[in-house]
Amino acid sequence: MNTIDKYSNNVTPTWCPGCGDFSVLRSIKAAAMKLNIDNHDLAIVSGIGCSSRISGYINAYGFHSIHGRSLPVAQGIKLANQGLTVIATGGDGDGFAIGTNHTIHAMRRDIDITYIVMNNQVYGLTKGHTSPLSQEGFISKSTPLGASEPPLKPSLLALASGASFVAQGFSAQQDQLIDLIIKGINHKGFSFINVFSPCVTFNKFNTYQWFRENLIDLDKESGYEPSEYKKAVDKYIKTSGLFTGLLYKKDFSHVQDKSKEETITPMVFENLDIKKDFDELMKDFL
């Protein structure tokens, strides 16, 4: 019988007690368990930051990449072995500061991977300075007078960039988060899940209680249809991005069109005589 312990590697996370990332870690494991994904068929790729340590806490293939570069690595892994379930993870600074360019183009390509951003609206690992998603007026060591710049709108950016699955979760609503991750993995295309994951040490404004009081649940709204792009954009604007649930899902992704042109055998299983090819190539340079 498959259990969640199958995905535990007995490495104790070093996050602060109460960090929302604990819930995201368990949700990924629970989603893998419910989908019965074998450990050797799961790849977790992360960037840099508190949340990006998550790749070392799961019994699966793990790649701890460099700052803002988790998505290029994740795309390469998926293209080399299409049979893997590839999940890229990171924080809001990792994905929407130094990694913004990679984020946008990964969404545009619509490759079949799932990207989970643990959004705590602050740089936690570097001791609490303002991130690209911090609210105006946010006081930190880098903005003692309050942040003067408006925050990026992650899920609105995902819609504009071409992600075919866009959702938002909250660490304190684990059942819904697990369901969203399952749906994201099952979706054939780029799945973006923005998770409100409170930093209990450095963000004293966007707390668990604050999110409970301000978030609305789209999954409980009757009549909302996530397959309509314009309605998804309007809903994001109307709620100021303060919601959980599935915002948008394109039923037919262009990934399904391209899959017919791709080799059935993953690149990693191709019979490649690399040394022979290399020696032949080098003849021109001798």
C-alpha atoms as a PDB file:
ATOM      1  CA  MET A   1       0.000   0.000   0.000  1.00  0.00           C
ATOM      2  CA  ASN A   2       1.303   3.426  -0.988  1.00  0.00           C
ATOM      3  CA  THR A   3       1.711   5.832   1.954  1.00  0.00           C
ATOM      4  CA  ILE A   4       3.000   9.359   2.366  1.00  0.00           C
ATOM      5  CA  ASP A   5       6.042   7.992   4.219  1.00  0.00           C
ATOM      6  CA  LYS A   6       7.225   6.564   0.901  1.00  0.00           C
ATOM      7  CA  TYR A   7       8.266  10.088  -0.085  1.00  0.00           C
ATOM      8  CA  SER A   8      10.063  10.920   3.168  1.00  0.00           C
ATOM      9  CA  ASN A   9      13.859  10.746   3.250  1.00  0.00           C
ATOM     10  CA  ASN A  10      14.311  11.281   7.014  1.00  0.00           C
ATOM     11  CA  VAL A  11      15.953  14.681   6.480  1.00  0.00           C
ATOM     12  CA  THR A  12      14.551  17.174   8.992  1.00  0.00           C
ATOM     13  CA  PRO A  13      13.592  20.544   7.450  1.00  0.00           C
ATOM     14  CA  THR A  14      15.361  23.566   8.901  1.00  0.00           C
ATOM     15  CA  TRP A  15      12.450  25.962   8.399  1.00  0.00           C
ATOM     16  CA  CYS A  16      11.232  28.081  11.294  1.00  0.00           C
ATOM     17  CA  PRO A  17       8.456  26.431  13.352  1.00  0.00           C
ATOM     18  CA  GLY A  18       5.138  27.506  11.840  1.00  0.00           C
ATOM     19  CA  CYS A  19       6.521  28.231   8.354  1.00  0.00           C
ATOM     20  CA  GLY A  20       3.929  27.612   5.656  1.00  0.00           C
ATOM     21  CA  ASP A  21       6.427  25.623   3.614  1.00  0.00           C
ATOM     22  CA  PHE A  22       5.929  22.598   5.891  1.00  0.00           C
ATOM     23  CA  SER A  23       2.380  22.350   4.579  1.00  0.00           C
ATOM     24  CA  VAL A  24       3.522  22.661   0.958  1.00  0.00           C
ATOM     25  CA  LEU A  25       6.066  19.878   1.509  1.00  0.00           C
ATOM     26  CA  ARG A  26       3.411  17.560   2.915  1.00  0.00           C
ATOM     27  CA  SER A  27       0.960  18.532   0.158  1.00  0.00           C
ATOM     28  CA  ILE A  28       3.432  17.564  -2.577  1.00  0.00           C
ATOM     29  CA  LYS A  29       4.048  14.215  -0.881  1.00  0.00           C
ATOM     30  CA  ALA A  30       0.308  13.630  -0.420  1.00  0.00           C
ATOM     31  CA  ALA A  31      -0.406  14.476  -4.064  1.00  0.00           C
ATOM     32  CA  ALA A  32       2.309  12.052  -5.215  1.00  0.00           C
ATOM     33  CA  MET A  33       0.848   9.386  -2.927  1.00  0.00           C
ATOM     34  CA  LYS A  34      -2.696   9.854  -4.239  1.00  0.00           C
ATOM     35  CA  LEU A  35      -1.419   9.701  -7.830  1.00  0.00           C
ATOM     36  CA  ASN A  36       0.714   6.661  -6.930  1.00  0.00           C
ATOM     37  CA  ILE A  37       3.829   8.146  -8.524  1.00  0.00           C
ATOM     38  CA  ASP A  38       6.917   5.989  -8.069  1.00  0.00           C
ATOM     39  CA  ASN A  39       9.865   7.720  -6.409  1.00  0.00           C
ATOM     40  CA  HIS A  40      12.048   7.188  -9.489  1.00  0.00           C
ATOM     41  CA  ASP A  41       9.374   8.802 -11.676  1.00  0.00           C
ATOM     42  CA  LEU A  42       9.284  12.053  -9.684  1.00  0.00           C
ATOM     43  CA  ALA A  43      11.755  14.953 -10.030  1.00  0.00           C
ATOM     44  CA  ILE A  44      11.720  17.980  -7.710  1.00  0.00           C
ATOM     45  CA  VAL A  45      13.738  20.984  -8.890  1.00  0.00           C
ATOM     46  CA  SER A  46      14.287  24.060  -6.725  1.00  0.00           C
ATOM     47  CA  GLY A  47      16.134  27.370  -6.847  1.00  0.00           C
ATOM     48  CA  ILE A  48      17.583  29.312  -3.915  1.00  0.00           C
ATOM     49  CA  GLY A  49      15.863  30.476  -0.733  1.00  0.00           C
ATOM     50  CA  CYS A  50      14.130  29.017   2.301  1.00  0.00           C
ATOM     51  CA  SER A  51      11.446  27.331   0.212  1.00  0.00           C
ATOM     52  CA  SER A  52      13.957  25.989  -2.295  1.00  0.00           C
ATOM     53  CA  ARG A  53      15.383  23.634   0.301  1.00  0.00           C
ATOM     54  CA  ILE A  54      12.296  21.517  -0.342  1.00  0.00           C
ATOM     55  CA  SER A  55      14.013  19.445  -3.053  1.00  0.00           C
ATOM     56  CA  GLY A  56      16.230  17.925  -0.358  1.00  0.00           C
ATOM     57  CA  TYR A  57      13.309  16.873   1.829  1.00  0.00           C
ATOM     58  CA  ILE A  58      11.569  14.484  -0.590  1.00  0.00           C
ATOM     59  CA  ASN A  59      12.544  10.933  -1.490  1.00  0.00           C
ATOM     60  CA  ALA A  60      12.663  11.454  -5.253  1.00  0.00           C
ATOM     61  CA  TYR A  61      15.069  12.820  -7.815  1.00  0.00           C
ATOM     62  CA  GLY A  62      16.118  16.232  -6.490  1.00  0.00           C
ATOM     63  CA  PHE A  63      18.005  19.102  -8.097  1.00  0.00           C
ATOM     64  CA  HIS A  64      18.898  22.174  -6.013  1.00  0.00           C
ATOM     65  CA  SER A  65      19.728  24.648  -8.778  1.00  0.00           C
ATOM     66  CA  ILE A  66      20.952  28.249  -8.603  1.00  0.00           C
ATOM     67  CA  HIS A  67      19.007  31.415  -7.865  1.00  0.00           C
ATOM     68  CA  GLY A  68      16.130  31.919 -10.305  1.00  0.00           C
ATOM     69  CA  ARG A  69      17.146  29.007 -12.543  1.00  0.00           C
ATOM     70  CA  SER A  70      14.905  26.162 -11.405  1.00  0.00           C
ATOM     71  CA  LEU A  71      12.677  26.384 -14.488  1.00  0.00           C
ATOM     72  CA  PRO A  72      15.424  25.998 -17.136  1.00  0.00           C
ATOM     73  CA  VAL A  73      16.624  22.891 -15.277  1.00  0.00           C
ATOM     74  CA  ALA A  74      13.082  21.530 -14.911  1.00  0.00           C
ATOM     75  CA  GLN A  75      12.368  22.056 -18.605  1.00  0.00           C
ATOM     76  CA  GLY A  76      15.588  20.286 -19.573  1.00  0.00           C
ATOM     77  CA  ILE A  77      14.732  17.319 -17.370  1.00  0.00           C
ATOM     78  CA  LYS A  78      11.244  17.040 -18.852  1.00  0.00           C
ATOM     79  CA  LEU A  79      12.494  17.284 -22.430  1.00  0.00           C
ATOM     80  CA  ALA A  80      15.123  14.608 -21.771  1.00  0.00           C
ATOM     81  CA  ASN A  81      12.684  12.220 -20.094  1.00  0.00           C
ATOM     82  CA  GLN A  82       9.041  12.923 -20.816  1.00  0.00           C
ATOM     83  CA  GLY A  83       8.001  10.044 -18.572  1.00  0.00           C
ATOM     84  CA  LEU A  84       9.004  11.891 -15.415  1.00  0.00           C
ATOM     85  CA  THR A  85       6.624  13.954 -13.314  1.00  0.00           C
ATOM     86  CA  VAL A  86       8.578  17.199 -12.972  1.00  0.00           C
ATOM     87  CA  ILE A  87       7.772  19.731 -10.250  1.00  0.00           C
ATOM     88  CA  ALA A  88       9.691  23.007 -10.020  1.00  0.00           C
ATOM     89  CA  THR A  89       9.557  24.831  -6.688  1.00  0.00           C
ATOM     90  CA  GLY A  90      10.787  28.102  -5.234  1.00  0.00           C
ATOM     91  CA  GLY A  91       9.886  31.343  -3.546  1.00  0.00           C
ATOM     92  CA  ASP A  92       8.486  34.624  -4.823  1.00  0.00           C
ATOM     93  CA  GLY A  93      11.952  36.192  -4.929  1.00  0.00           C
ATOM     94  CA  ASP A  94      13.383  33.241  -6.819  1.00  0.00           C
ATOM     95  CA  GLY A  95      10.617  33.183  -9.416  1.00  0.00           C
ATOM     96  CA  PHE A  96       9.702  36.853  -9.754  1.00  0.00           C
ATOM     97  CA  ALA A  97      12.969  38.738  -9.260  1.00  0.00           C
ATOM     98  CA  ILE A  98      16.138  37.228 -10.710  1.00  0.00           C
ATOM     99  CA  GLY A  99      14.154  34.404 -12.334  1.00  0.00           C
ATOM    100  CA  THR A 100      11.351  36.459 -13.881  1.00  0.00           C
ATOM    101  CA  ASN A 101      12.606  36.081 -17.441  1.00  0.00           C
ATOM    102  CA  HIS A 102      12.805  32.288 -17.114  1.00  0.00           C
ATOM    103  CA  THR A 103       9.356  32.184 -15.495  1.00  0.00           C
ATOM    104  CA  ILE A 104       7.688  34.105 -18.312  1.00  0.00           C
ATOM    105  CA  HIS A 105       9.258  32.064 -21.110  1.00  0.00           C
ATOM    106  CA  ALA A 106       8.601  28.732 -19.395  1.00  0.00           C
ATOM    107  CA  MET A 107       4.945  29.706 -19.179  1.00  0.00           C
ATOM    108  CA  ARG A 108       4.964  30.775 -22.824  1.00  0.00           C
ATOM    109  CA  ARG A 109       6.428  27.445 -23.925  1.00  0.00           C
ATOM    110  CA  ASP A 110       3.712  25.606 -21.984  1.00  0.00           C
ATOM    111  CA  ILE A 111       5.936  22.584 -21.314  1.00  0.00           C
ATOM    112  CA  ASP A 112       4.294  19.874 -19.219  1.00  0.00           C
ATOM    113  CA  ILE A 113       5.710  20.707 -15.774  1.00  0.00           C
ATOM    114  CA  THR A 114       4.197  21.989 -12.525  1.00  0.00           C
ATOM    115  CA  TYR A 115       5.625  25.139 -10.920  1.00  0.00           C
ATOM    116  CA  ILE A 116       4.809  25.729  -7.240  1.00  0.00           C
ATOM    117  CA  VAL A 117       5.777  29.124  -5.835  1.00  0.00           C
ATOM    118  CA  MET A 118       5.797  29.470  -2.052  1.00  0.00           C
ATOM    119  CA  ASN A 119       4.793  33.104  -1.779  1.00  0.00           C
ATOM    120  CA  ASN A 120       5.613  34.651   1.609  1.00  0.00           C
ATOM    121  CA  GLN A 121       5.991  38.188   0.208  1.00  0.00           C
ATOM    122  CA  VAL A 122       9.417  38.637   1.778  1.00  0.00           C
ATOM    123  CA  TYR A 123      13.009  37.419   1.404  1.00  0.00           C
ATOM    124  CA  GLY A 124      13.241  35.055   4.362  1.00  0.00           C
ATOM    125  CA  LEU A 125      16.642  33.457   3.831  1.00  0.00           C
ATOM    126  CA  THR A 126      18.399  36.822   3.665  1.00  0.00           C
ATOM    127  CA  LYS A 127      16.679  37.979   6.842  1.00  0.00           C
ATOM    128  CA  GLY A 128      13.546  39.748   5.753  1.00  0.00           C
ATOM    129  CA  HIS A 129      14.013  42.372   3.088  1.00  0.00           C
ATOM    130  CA  THR A 130      11.352  43.347   0.562  1.00  0.00           C
ATOM    131  CA  SER A 131      10.489  40.963  -2.289  1.00  0.00           C
ATOM    132  CA  PRO A 132       8.841  41.734  -5.669  1.00  0.00           C
ATOM    133  CA  LEU A 133       5.511  40.627  -4.161  1.00  0.00           C
ATOM    134  CA  SER A 134       5.675  42.686  -0.940  1.00  0.00           C
ATOM    135  CA  GLN A 135       2.806  45.134  -0.534  1.00  0.00           C
ATOM    136  CA  GLU A 136       3.299  48.885  -0.850  1.00  0.00           C
ATOM    137  CA  GLY A 137       4.232  50.290   2.534  1.00  0.00           C
ATOM    138  CA  PHE A 138       5.841  47.025   3.674  1.00  0.00           C
ATOM    139  CA  ILE A 139       8.507  47.861   6.255  1.00  0.00           C
ATOM    140  CA  SER A 140      11.669  45.787   6.173  1.00  0.00           C
ATOM    141  CA  LYS A 141      15.418  46.188   6.657  1.00  0.00           C
ATOM    142  CA  SER A 142      15.714  47.250   3.016  1.00  0.00           C
ATOM    143  CA  THR A 143      12.651  49.553   3.148  1.00  0.00           C
ATOM    144  CA  PRO A 144      12.582  51.150   6.629  1.00  0.00           C
ATOM    145  CA  LEU A 145      10.188  53.839   5.362  1.00  0.00           C
ATOM    146  CA  GLY A 146       7.956  51.282   3.639  1.00  0.00           C
ATOM    147  CA  ALA A 147       8.094  49.785   0.149  1.00  0.00           C
ATOM    148  CA  SER A 148       7.283  52.419  -2.460  1.00  0.00           C
ATOM    149  CA  GLU A 149       6.833  50.091  -5.440  1.00  0.00           C
ATOM    150  CA  PRO A 150       3.642  48.139  -6.214  1.00  0.00           C
ATOM    151  CA  PRO A 151       3.954  44.333  -6.092  1.00  0.00           C
ATOM    152  CA  LEU A 152       3.888  42.115  -9.150  1.00  0.00           C
ATOM    153  CA  LYS A 153       0.677  40.177  -9.773  1.00  0.00           C
ATOM    154  CA  PRO A 154       1.934  36.586 -10.173  1.00  0.00           C
ATOM    155  CA  SER A 155      -1.163  34.779 -11.419  1.00  0.00           C
ATOM    156  CA  LEU A 156      -2.116  37.674 -13.707  1.00  0.00           C
ATOM    157  CA  LEU A 157       1.403  37.520 -15.140  1.00  0.00           C
ATOM    158  CA  ALA A 158       0.972  33.762 -15.602  1.00  0.00           C
ATOM    159  CA  LEU A 159      -2.241  34.321 -17.562  1.00  0.00           C
ATOM    160  CA  ALA A 160      -0.611  36.942 -19.759  1.00  0.00           C
ATOM    161  CA  SER A 161       2.443  34.744 -20.355  1.00  0.00           C
ATOM    162  CA  GLY A 162       0.506  31.724 -21.609  1.00  0.00           C
ATOM    163  CA  ALA A 163       0.339  29.292 -18.684  1.00  0.00           C
ATOM    164  CA  SER A 164      -2.504  26.885 -19.452  1.00  0.00           C
ATOM    165  CA  PHE A 165      -3.218  26.084 -15.772  1.00  0.00           C
ATOM    166  CA  VAL A 166      -3.237  28.819 -13.111  1.00  0.00           C
ATOM    167  CA  ALA A 167      -4.263  28.279  -9.489  1.00  0.00           C
ATOM    168  CA  GLN A 168      -3.625  29.625  -6.003  1.00  0.00           C
ATOM    169  CA  GLY A 169      -3.492  27.854  -2.671  1.00  0.00           C
ATOM    170  CA  PHE A 170      -2.954  28.642   1.007  1.00  0.00           C
ATOM    171  CA  SER A 171      -0.741  26.681   3.387  1.00  0.00           C
ATOM    172  CA  ALA A 172      -3.484  26.564   6.006  1.00  0.00           C
ATOM    173  CA  GLN A 173      -5.936  24.970   3.543  1.00  0.00           C
ATOM    174  CA  GLN A 174      -4.044  21.755   2.886  1.00  0.00           C
ATOM    175  CA  ASP A 175      -6.886  19.658   1.452  1.00  0.00           C
ATOM    176  CA  GLN A 176      -7.504  22.213  -1.281  1.00  0.00           C
ATOM    177  CA  LEU A 177      -3.774  22.607  -1.923  1.00  0.00           C
ATOM    178  CA  ILE A 178      -3.313  18.856  -2.370  1.00  0.00           C
ATOM    179  CA  ASP A 179      -6.217  18.806  -4.814  1.00  0.00           C
ATOM    180  CA  LEU A 180      -4.731  21.710  -6.810  1.00  0.00           C
ATOM    181  CA  ILE A 181      -1.326  20.014  -7.019  1.00  0.00           C
ATOM    182  CA  ILE A 182      -2.969  16.793  -8.239  1.00  0.00           C
ATOM    183  CA  LYS A 183      -4.875  18.726 -10.903  1.00  0.00           C
ATOM    184  CA  GLY A 184      -1.721  20.602 -11.870  1.00  0.00           C
ATOM    185  CA  ILE A 185       0.290  17.401 -12.298  1.00  0.00           C
ATOM    186  CA  ASN A 186      -2.492  15.797 -14.337  1.00  0.00           C
ATOM    187  CA  HIS A 187      -2.759  18.830 -16.621  1.00  0.00           C
ATOM    188  CA  LYS A 188      -0.877  18.424 -19.904  1.00  0.00           C
ATOM    189  CA  GLY A 189       0.860  21.787 -20.092  1.00  0.00           C
ATOM    190  CA  PHE A 190       2.503  24.350 -17.809  1.00  0.00           C
ATOM    191  CA  SER A 191       0.772  24.404 -14.416  1.00  0.00           C
ATOM    192  CA  PHE A 192       1.401  27.401 -12.149  1.00  0.00           C
ATOM    193  CA  ILE A 193       0.344  27.227  -8.500  1.00  0.00           C
ATOM    194  CA  ASN A 194       0.923  30.319  -6.373  1.00  0.00           C
ATOM    195  CA  VAL A 195       0.791  29.303  -2.713  1.00  0.00           C
ATOM    196  CA  PHE A 196       0.358  31.875   0.057  1.00  0.00           C
ATOM    197  CA  SER A 197       2.895  30.460   2.504  1.00  0.00           C
ATOM    198  CA  PRO A 198       3.330  32.809   5.491  1.00  0.00           C
ATOM    199  CA  CYS A 199       6.778  33.642   6.871  1.00  0.00           C
ATOM    200  CA  VAL A 200       6.215  33.685  10.628  1.00  0.00           C
ATOM    201  CA  THR A 201       9.596  35.274  11.370  1.00  0.00           C
ATOM    202  CA  PHE A 202       9.957  38.235   9.019  1.00  0.00           C
ATOM    203  CA  ASN A 203       6.477  39.039   7.704  1.00  0.00           C
ATOM    204  CA  LYS A 204       4.267  40.182  10.556  1.00  0.00           C
ATOM    205  CA  PHE A 205       1.625  41.639   8.240  1.00  0.00           C
ATOM    206  CA  ASN A 206       0.659  38.824   5.859  1.00  0.00           C
ATOM    207  CA  THR A 207      -0.038  36.357   8.665  1.00  0.00           C
ATOM    208  CA  TYR A 208      -2.184  33.222   8.699  1.00  0.00           C
ATOM    209  CA  GLN A 209      -4.980  35.215  10.306  1.00  0.00           C
ATOM    210  CA  TRP A 210      -4.686  38.005   7.730  1.00  0.00           C
ATOM    211  CA  PHE A 211      -5.061  35.521   4.874  1.00  0.00           C
ATOM    212  CA  ARG A 212      -8.004  33.795   6.569  1.00  0.00           C
ATOM    213  CA  GLU A 213      -9.775  37.153   6.765  1.00  0.00           C
ATOM    214  CA  ASN A 214      -8.963  38.309   3.227  1.00  0.00           C
ATOM    215  CA  LEU A 215      -8.908  35.274   0.925  1.00  0.00           C
ATOM    216  CA  ILE A 216     -11.977  34.063  -0.960  1.00  0.00           C
ATOM    217  CA  ASP A 217     -12.334  30.492  -2.253  1.00  0.00           C
ATOM    218  CA  LEU A 218     -13.078  30.311  -5.983  1.00  0.00           C
ATOM    219  CA  ASP A 219     -13.839  26.601  -5.733  1.00  0.00           C
ATOM    220  CA  LYS A 220     -16.853  27.450  -3.579  1.00  0.00           C
ATOM    221  CA  GLU A 221     -18.192  30.146  -5.905  1.00  0.00           C
ATOM    222  CA  SER A 222     -21.134  28.852  -7.895  1.00  0.00           C
ATOM    223  CA  GLY A 223     -21.119  29.767 -11.558  1.00  0.00           C
ATOM    224  CA  TYR A 224     -17.425  30.534 -11.885  1.00  0.00           C
ATOM    225  CA  GLU A 225     -15.987  28.856 -14.985  1.00  0.00           C
ATOM    226  CA  PRO A 226     -12.148  28.558 -15.015  1.00  0.00           C
ATOM    227  CA  SER A 227     -11.992  27.677 -18.708  1.00  0.00           C
ATOM    228  CA  GLU A 228     -12.829  31.236 -19.801  1.00  0.00           C
ATOM    229  CA  TYR A 229      -9.693  33.368 -20.112  1.00  0.00           C
ATOM    230  CA  LYS A 230     -11.339  36.794 -19.923  1.00  0.00           C
ATOM    231  CA  LYS A 231     -13.344  35.818 -16.846  1.00  0.00           C
ATOM    232  CA  ALA A 232     -10.145  34.606 -15.199  1.00  0.00           C
ATOM    233  CA  VAL A 233      -8.463  37.967 -15.814  1.00  0.00           C
ATOM    234  CA  ASP A 234     -11.525  39.837 -14.558  1.00  0.00           C
ATOM    235  CA  LYS A 235     -11.739  37.647 -11.455  1.00  0.00           C
ATOM    236  CA  TYR A 236      -8.100  38.280 -10.580  1.00  0.00           C
ATOM    237  CA  ILE A 237      -8.578  42.041 -10.917  1.00  0.00           C
ATOM    238  CA  LYS A 238     -11.852  42.026  -8.981  1.00  0.00           C
ATOM    239  CA  THR A 239     -10.370  40.082  -6.047  1.00  0.00           C
ATOM    240  CA  SER A 240      -6.994  41.900  -6.174  1.00  0.00           C
ATOM    241  CA  GLY A 241      -5.468  38.436  -6.405  1.00  0.00           C
ATOM    242  CA  LEU A 242      -6.658  37.461  -2.917  1.00  0.00           C
ATOM    243  CA  PHE A 243      -8.245  34.089  -3.640  1.00  0.00           C
ATOM    244  CA  THR A 244      -7.569  30.370  -3.573  1.00  0.00           C
ATOM    245  CA  GLY A 245      -8.677  27.744  -6.044  1.00  0.00           C
ATOM    246  CA  LEU A 246      -8.447  27.125  -9.776  1.00  0.00           C
ATOM    247  CA  LEU A 247      -8.414  30.409 -11.691  1.00  0.00           C
ATOM    248  CA  TYR A 248      -7.851  29.154 -15.233  1.00  0.00           C
ATOM    249  CA  LYS A 249      -7.454  25.897 -17.111  1.00  0.00           C
ATOM    250  CA  LYS A 250      -7.139  25.618 -20.849  1.00  0.00           C
ATOM    251  CA  ASP A 251      -8.721  22.308 -21.792  1.00  0.00           C
ATOM    252  CA  PHE A 252      -6.497  21.708 -24.813  1.00  0.00           C
ATOM    253  CA  SER A 253      -2.862  22.753 -24.516  1.00  0.00           C
ATOM    254  CA  HIS A 254      -0.583  23.083 -27.550  1.00  0.00           C
ATOM    255  CA  VAL A 255       1.680  20.592 -25.741  1.00  0.00           C
ATOM    256  CA  GLN A 256      -0.732  17.898 -26.884  1.00  0.00           C
ATOM    257  CA  ASP A 257      -0.258  19.013 -30.491  1.00  0.00           C
ATOM    258  CA  LYS A 258       3.528  18.934 -30.219  1.00  0.00           C
ATOM    259  CA  SER A 259       3.606  15.548 -28.500  1.00  0.00           C
ATOM    260  CA  LYS A 260       2.836  13.801 -31.801  1.00  0.00           C
ATOM    261  CA  GLU A 261       6.072  15.152 -33.268  1.00  0.00           C
ATOM    262  CA  GLU A 262       8.252  14.102 -30.337  1.00  0.00           C
ATOM    263  CA  THR A 263      10.000  10.749 -30.056  1.00  0.00           C
ATOM    264  CA  ILE A 264       8.135   8.136 -28.057  1.00  0.00           C
ATOM    265  CA  THR A 265      11.353   6.929 -26.425  1.00  0.00           C
ATOM    266  CA  PRO A 266      12.733   9.442 -23.873  1.00  0.00           C
ATOM    267  CA  MET A 267      16.158  10.773 -24.763  1.00  0.00           C
ATOM    268  CA  VAL A 268      17.700   9.163 -21.685  1.00  0.00           C
ATOM    269  CA  PHE A 269      16.762   5.722 -23.011  1.00  0.00           C
ATOM    270  CA  GLU A 270      18.023   6.254 -26.559  1.00  0.00           C
ATOM    271  CA  ASN A 271      20.932   4.048 -27.601  1.00  0.00           C
ATOM    272  CA  LEU A 272      23.525   6.759 -28.170  1.00  0.00           C
ATOM    273  CA  ASP A 273      27.134   5.878 -28.844  1.00  0.00           C
ATOM    274  CA  ILE A 274      28.437   9.214 -27.613  1.00  0.00           C
ATOM    275  CA  LYS A 275      32.144   8.354 -27.814  1.00  0.00           C
ATOM    276  CA  LYS A 276      31.861   7.168 -31.403  1.00  0.00           C
ATOM    277  CA  ASP A 277      29.976  10.335 -32.406  1.00  0.00           C
ATOM    278  CA  PHE A 278      32.452  12.517 -30.530  1.00  0.00           C
ATOM    279  CA  ASP A 279      35.484  10.891 -32.164  1.00  0.00           C
ATOM    280  CA  GLU A 280      33.905  11.349 -35.589  1.00  0.00           C
ATOM    281  CA  LEU A 281      33.226  15.016 -34.836  1.00  0.00           C
ATOM    282  CA  MET A 282      36.782  15.651 -33.673  1.00  0.00           C
ATOM    283  CA  LYS A 283      38.328  14.379 -36.918  1.00  0.00           C
ATOM    284  CA  ASP A 284      37.657  17.766 -38.490  1.00  0.00           C
ATOM    285  CA  PHE A 285      39.784  19.464 -35.840  1.00  0.00           C
ATOM    286  CA  LEU A 286      42.819  17.158 -35.919  1.00  0.00           C
END
